[in-house]
N, C-alpha and C. Protein backbone atom coordinates (compact mmCIF):
# COMPACT_ATOMS: atom_id res chain seq x y z
N ARG A 1 0.34 -0.95 0.08
CA ARG A 1 -0.09 0.04 0.19
C ARG A 1 0.52 0.85 -0.10
N ALA A 2 0.04 2.23 -0.73
CA ALA A 2 0.99 3.76 -0.56
C ALA A 2 0.23 4.89 -0.73
N TYR A 3 0.31 5.70 0.48
CA TYR A 3 -0.72 6.75 0.49
C TYR A 3 0.09 7.92 0.27
N ALA A 4 -0.24 8.42 -0.87
CA ALA A 4 0.18 9.69 -1.29
C ALA A 4 -0.91 11.03 -1.38
N LEU A 5 -0.21 12.12 -0.79
CA LEU A 5 -1.15 13.37 -0.90
C LEU A 5 -0.77 14.22 -2.12
N ALA A 6 -1.85 14.78 -3.11
CA ALA A 6 -1.42 15.35 -4.16
C ALA A 6 -1.43 16.73 -3.87
N THR A 7 0.14 17.35 -3.89
CA THR A 7 0.63 18.33 -3.79
C THR A 7 0.59 19.79 -4.69
N PRO A 8 -0.26 20.77 -4.65
CA PRO A 8 -0.54 22.28 -5.66
C PRO A 8 0.99 22.34 -6.31
N THR A 9 0.54 22.32 -7.84
CA THR A 9 2.11 22.41 -8.65
C THR A 9 2.11 23.93 -8.47
N SER A 10 3.28 24.35 -8.43
CA SER A 10 4.52 25.82 -8.28
C SER A 10 3.08 26.66 -9.16
N SER A 11 2.95 26.80 -10.11
CA SER A 11 2.04 27.77 -10.64
C SER A 11 1.11 27.97 -9.80
N SER A 12 0.29 27.06 -9.22
CA SER A 12 -1.14 27.08 -8.62
C SER A 12 -0.96 27.66 -7.61
N LEU A 13 0.31 27.51 -6.78
CA LEU A 13 0.67 28.36 -5.92
C LEU A 13 0.93 30.11 -5.43
N SER A 14 1.54 30.13 -6.86
CA SER A 14 1.87 31.89 -7.17
C SER A 14 0.54 32.27 -7.60
N SER A 15 -0.37 31.82 -8.18
CA SER A 15 -1.66 32.37 -8.62
C SER A 15 -2.46 32.80 -7.42
N GLY A 16 -2.42 31.86 -6.42
CA GLY A 16 -3.44 32.64 -5.28
C GLY A 16 -4.39 32.20 -5.40
N GLU A 17 -4.74 30.80 -6.20
CA GLU A 17 -5.81 30.00 -6.43
C GLU A 17 -6.16 29.37 -5.16
N ASP A 18 -7.31 28.96 -5.08
CA ASP A 18 -7.77 27.92 -3.68
C ASP A 18 -7.20 26.14 -4.16
N ASP A 19 -5.90 25.70 -3.48
CA ASP A 19 -5.65 24.33 -3.72
C ASP A 19 -6.42 23.56 -2.88
N SER A 20 -6.25 22.34 -3.63
CA SER A 20 -6.79 21.46 -2.73
C SER A 20 -6.17 19.95 -2.90
N CYS A 21 -6.01 19.54 -2.17
CA CYS A 21 -5.33 18.48 -1.87
C CYS A 21 -5.76 17.32 -1.19
N SER A 22 -5.64 15.69 -1.96
CA SER A 22 -6.32 14.98 -1.27
C SER A 22 -5.10 13.66 -0.92
N VAL A 23 -6.01 12.99 -0.11
CA VAL A 23 -4.76 12.06 0.16
C VAL A 23 -5.67 10.72 0.09
N PHE A 24 -5.28 9.54 -0.52
CA PHE A 24 -5.87 8.42 -1.08
C PHE A 24 -4.76 7.30 -0.42
N VAL A 25 -5.68 5.87 -0.95
CA VAL A 25 -4.45 4.68 -0.29
C VAL A 25 -4.96 4.12 -1.75
N VAL A 26 -3.81 3.23 -1.80
CA VAL A 26 -3.63 2.68 -3.46
C VAL A 26 -2.71 1.43 -2.78
N GLU A 27 -3.46 0.43 -3.65
CA GLU A 27 -2.76 -0.97 -3.39
C GLU A 27 -2.15 -1.09 -5.10
N LEU A 28 -0.59 -0.78 -4.76
CA LEU A 28 0.12 -1.97 -6.02
C LEU A 28 0.75 -2.93 -5.90
N GLU A 29 0.56 -3.75 -7.02
CA GLU A 29 1.43 -5.00 -7.14
C GLU A 29 2.61 -4.64 -7.75
N ARG A 30 3.93 -4.66 -7.62
CA ARG A 30 5.10 -5.09 -8.07
C ARG A 30 5.05 -5.15 -9.58
N GLY A 31 5.63 -4.90 -10.56
CA GLY A 31 5.79 -5.22 -11.56
C GLY A 31 7.88 -5.70 -12.04
N PRO A 32 7.61 -6.18 -13.23
CA PRO A 32 9.02 -6.33 -13.79
C PRO A 32 10.02 -5.36 -13.12
N ILE A 33 9.42 -4.23 -13.11
CA ILE A 33 10.37 -3.03 -12.84
C ILE A 33 10.23 -2.26 -11.62
N GLY A 34 9.37 -2.81 -10.87
CA GLY A 34 8.85 -2.30 -9.56
C GLY A 34 7.54 -1.82 -9.55
N LEU A 35 7.36 -0.95 -8.54
CA LEU A 35 6.67 -0.02 -8.97
C LEU A 35 6.36 1.29 -9.95
N GLY A 36 7.82 1.48 -10.37
CA GLY A 36 7.70 2.47 -11.44
C GLY A 36 7.76 4.08 -10.71
N MET A 37 7.94 4.01 -10.10
CA MET A 37 8.06 5.69 -9.49
C MET A 37 9.73 5.74 -9.24
N GLY A 38 10.16 7.17 -9.25
CA GLY A 38 11.75 7.43 -8.73
C GLY A 38 11.33 8.43 -7.60
N LEU A 39 11.65 8.49 -6.48
CA LEU A 39 11.60 8.97 -5.75
C LEU A 39 12.41 9.94 -5.15
N ILE A 40 12.17 11.19 -4.93
CA ILE A 40 13.27 12.24 -4.25
C ILE A 40 13.09 13.17 -2.80
N ASP A 41 13.77 13.05 -1.82
CA ASP A 41 13.54 14.23 -0.75
C ASP A 41 13.15 15.34 -1.31
N GLY A 42 12.37 15.72 -0.53
CA GLY A 42 11.90 17.29 -0.67
C GLY A 42 12.89 18.56 -0.49
N LEU A 43 13.64 17.90 0.40
CA LEU A 43 15.05 18.76 1.07
C LEU A 43 15.31 19.37 -0.19
N HIS A 44 15.45 18.11 -1.20
CA HIS A 44 16.81 18.58 -2.44
C HIS A 44 15.82 18.77 -3.47
N THR A 45 14.60 19.45 -3.54
CA THR A 45 13.93 20.48 -4.75
C THR A 45 13.65 21.65 -4.20
N THR A 46 13.08 22.45 -5.06
CA THR A 46 12.32 23.72 -4.29
C THR A 46 11.88 23.90 -3.77
N LEU A 47 11.41 22.96 -3.38
CA LEU A 47 9.82 22.79 -2.02
C LEU A 47 10.87 23.06 -0.69
N ASN A 48 12.38 22.66 -0.30
CA ASN A 48 13.08 22.54 0.43
C ASN A 48 12.38 22.72 1.81
N CYS A 49 11.14 20.86 1.57
CA CYS A 49 10.68 20.54 2.75
C CYS A 49 10.88 19.61 2.35
N PRO A 50 10.86 18.89 4.21
CA PRO A 50 11.59 17.17 3.90
C PRO A 50 10.43 16.59 3.78
N GLY A 51 10.26 15.10 3.67
CA GLY A 51 9.07 14.46 2.76
C GLY A 51 9.65 13.66 1.46
N ILE A 52 8.58 12.93 1.12
CA ILE A 52 9.34 11.87 -0.18
C ILE A 52 8.07 11.74 -1.21
N TYR A 53 8.94 12.55 -2.18
CA TYR A 53 7.71 12.71 -3.32
C TYR A 53 8.08 11.95 -4.29
N ILE A 54 7.20 12.02 -5.55
CA ILE A 54 7.35 11.39 -6.52
C ILE A 54 8.26 12.26 -7.42
N ARG A 55 9.06 11.87 -8.17
CA ARG A 55 10.09 12.72 -9.21
C ARG A 55 9.49 12.26 -10.53
N THR A 56 9.30 11.08 -10.89
CA THR A 56 9.35 10.33 -12.45
C THR A 56 8.56 9.48 -12.06
N LEU A 57 7.51 9.16 -13.33
CA LEU A 57 6.56 7.95 -13.17
C LEU A 57 7.18 7.49 -14.80
N LEU A 58 7.63 5.99 -14.67
CA LEU A 58 7.98 5.46 -15.70
C LEU A 58 6.66 4.90 -16.47
N PRO A 59 6.56 5.30 -17.88
CA PRO A 59 5.24 4.35 -18.94
C PRO A 59 5.03 3.26 -18.60
N ASP A 60 3.56 3.07 -18.40
CA ASP A 60 3.49 1.85 -18.30
C ASP A 60 3.57 0.98 -16.93
N SER A 61 4.08 1.32 -16.17
CA SER A 61 4.44 0.72 -15.02
C SER A 61 3.23 0.83 -13.97
N PRO A 62 2.97 0.26 -13.31
CA PRO A 62 2.01 -0.23 -12.11
C PRO A 62 1.51 1.04 -11.50
N ALA A 63 2.56 1.99 -11.13
CA ALA A 63 2.09 3.46 -10.52
C ALA A 63 1.27 4.42 -11.98
N ALA A 64 2.09 4.39 -12.89
CA ALA A 64 1.50 5.18 -13.60
C ALA A 64 0.44 4.87 -14.41
N SER A 65 0.15 3.35 -14.43
CA SER A 65 -0.91 2.67 -15.21
C SER A 65 -2.54 3.02 -13.99
N ASP A 66 -1.73 3.36 -12.75
CA ASP A 66 -3.09 3.40 -11.59
C ASP A 66 -3.68 4.66 -11.92
N GLY A 67 -3.05 5.72 -12.68
CA GLY A 67 -3.99 6.68 -12.95
C GLY A 67 -4.04 8.01 -11.91
N ARG A 68 -3.82 7.20 -10.59
CA ARG A 68 -3.87 8.57 -9.50
C ARG A 68 -2.49 9.57 -9.39
N PHE A 69 -1.53 8.85 -9.16
CA PHE A 69 0.16 9.74 -9.35
C PHE A 69 0.10 10.48 -10.08
N GLY A 70 1.35 11.74 -9.84
CA GLY A 70 1.28 12.88 -10.40
C GLY A 70 2.67 13.18 -9.84
N ILE A 71 3.48 13.73 -10.65
CA ILE A 71 4.73 13.91 -10.82
C ILE A 71 4.93 14.99 -9.61
N GLY A 72 5.70 15.18 -8.46
CA GLY A 72 5.14 16.30 -7.33
C GLY A 72 4.42 15.56 -5.94
N ASP A 73 3.91 14.40 -6.60
CA ASP A 73 2.95 13.91 -5.17
C ASP A 73 4.15 13.15 -4.05
N ARG A 74 3.37 13.67 -2.97
CA ARG A 74 3.95 13.35 -1.54
C ARG A 74 3.44 11.71 -1.24
N ILE A 75 4.58 10.90 -0.66
CA ILE A 75 4.31 9.55 -0.51
C ILE A 75 4.06 9.41 1.34
N LEU A 76 2.75 9.03 1.75
CA LEU A 76 3.26 9.55 2.93
C LEU A 76 3.26 8.18 4.37
N ALA A 77 3.18 7.52 3.35
CA ALA A 77 3.28 5.86 4.05
C ALA A 77 3.56 4.78 2.87
N VAL A 78 4.20 3.90 3.52
CA VAL A 78 4.19 2.59 2.62
C VAL A 78 4.09 1.36 3.39
N ASN A 79 2.79 0.36 2.84
CA ASN A 79 3.00 -0.87 4.18
C ASN A 79 2.35 -0.59 5.48
N GLY A 80 1.97 0.65 5.62
CA GLY A 80 1.56 0.94 6.77
C GLY A 80 2.48 1.72 7.77
N THR A 81 3.17 1.93 7.12
CA THR A 81 4.91 2.82 7.50
C THR A 81 4.69 4.27 7.63
N SER A 82 4.64 5.05 8.21
CA SER A 82 4.77 6.51 8.31
C SER A 82 5.91 6.75 7.32
N LEU A 83 6.31 7.24 6.65
CA LEU A 83 7.00 8.52 5.63
C LEU A 83 7.42 10.15 6.28
N ILE A 84 6.13 10.34 7.34
CA ILE A 84 6.29 11.65 7.89
C ILE A 84 7.31 11.72 8.60
N GLY A 85 8.17 12.35 8.17
CA GLY A 85 9.72 12.76 8.85
C GLY A 85 10.94 11.47 9.11
N ALA A 86 10.60 10.78 7.82
CA ALA A 86 11.16 10.18 7.58
C ALA A 86 12.32 10.73 6.48
N ASP A 87 13.76 10.48 6.23
CA ASP A 87 14.86 10.88 5.56
C ASP A 87 14.69 9.68 4.67
N TYR A 88 14.93 10.42 3.50
CA TYR A 88 14.77 9.62 1.93
C TYR A 88 15.52 8.36 2.07
N ASP A 89 16.92 8.45 2.93
CA ASP A 89 17.46 6.70 2.78
C ASP A 89 16.92 6.10 3.98
N ARG A 90 16.24 6.03 4.64
CA ARG A 90 14.84 5.33 5.02
C ARG A 90 14.48 4.90 4.54
């Protein structure tokens, strides 16, 4: 299981529009290339904010095929283990 938080894009943050975030639970089975997500620590992005975020989605991967994940989404937990406050190496 992966829990993801959709984060607003930088353009919507600067426009002053109302931003909405959603939290959802996703169950994915690993494919031949894993789940198909490249992850990054938010501290190493322009967000400069801790957290694990989706950096890339591989085409035709389980994550991309699900359709709910997007670049910049924050992963909150995996297999019931919270990633809030966790660093990338964990």
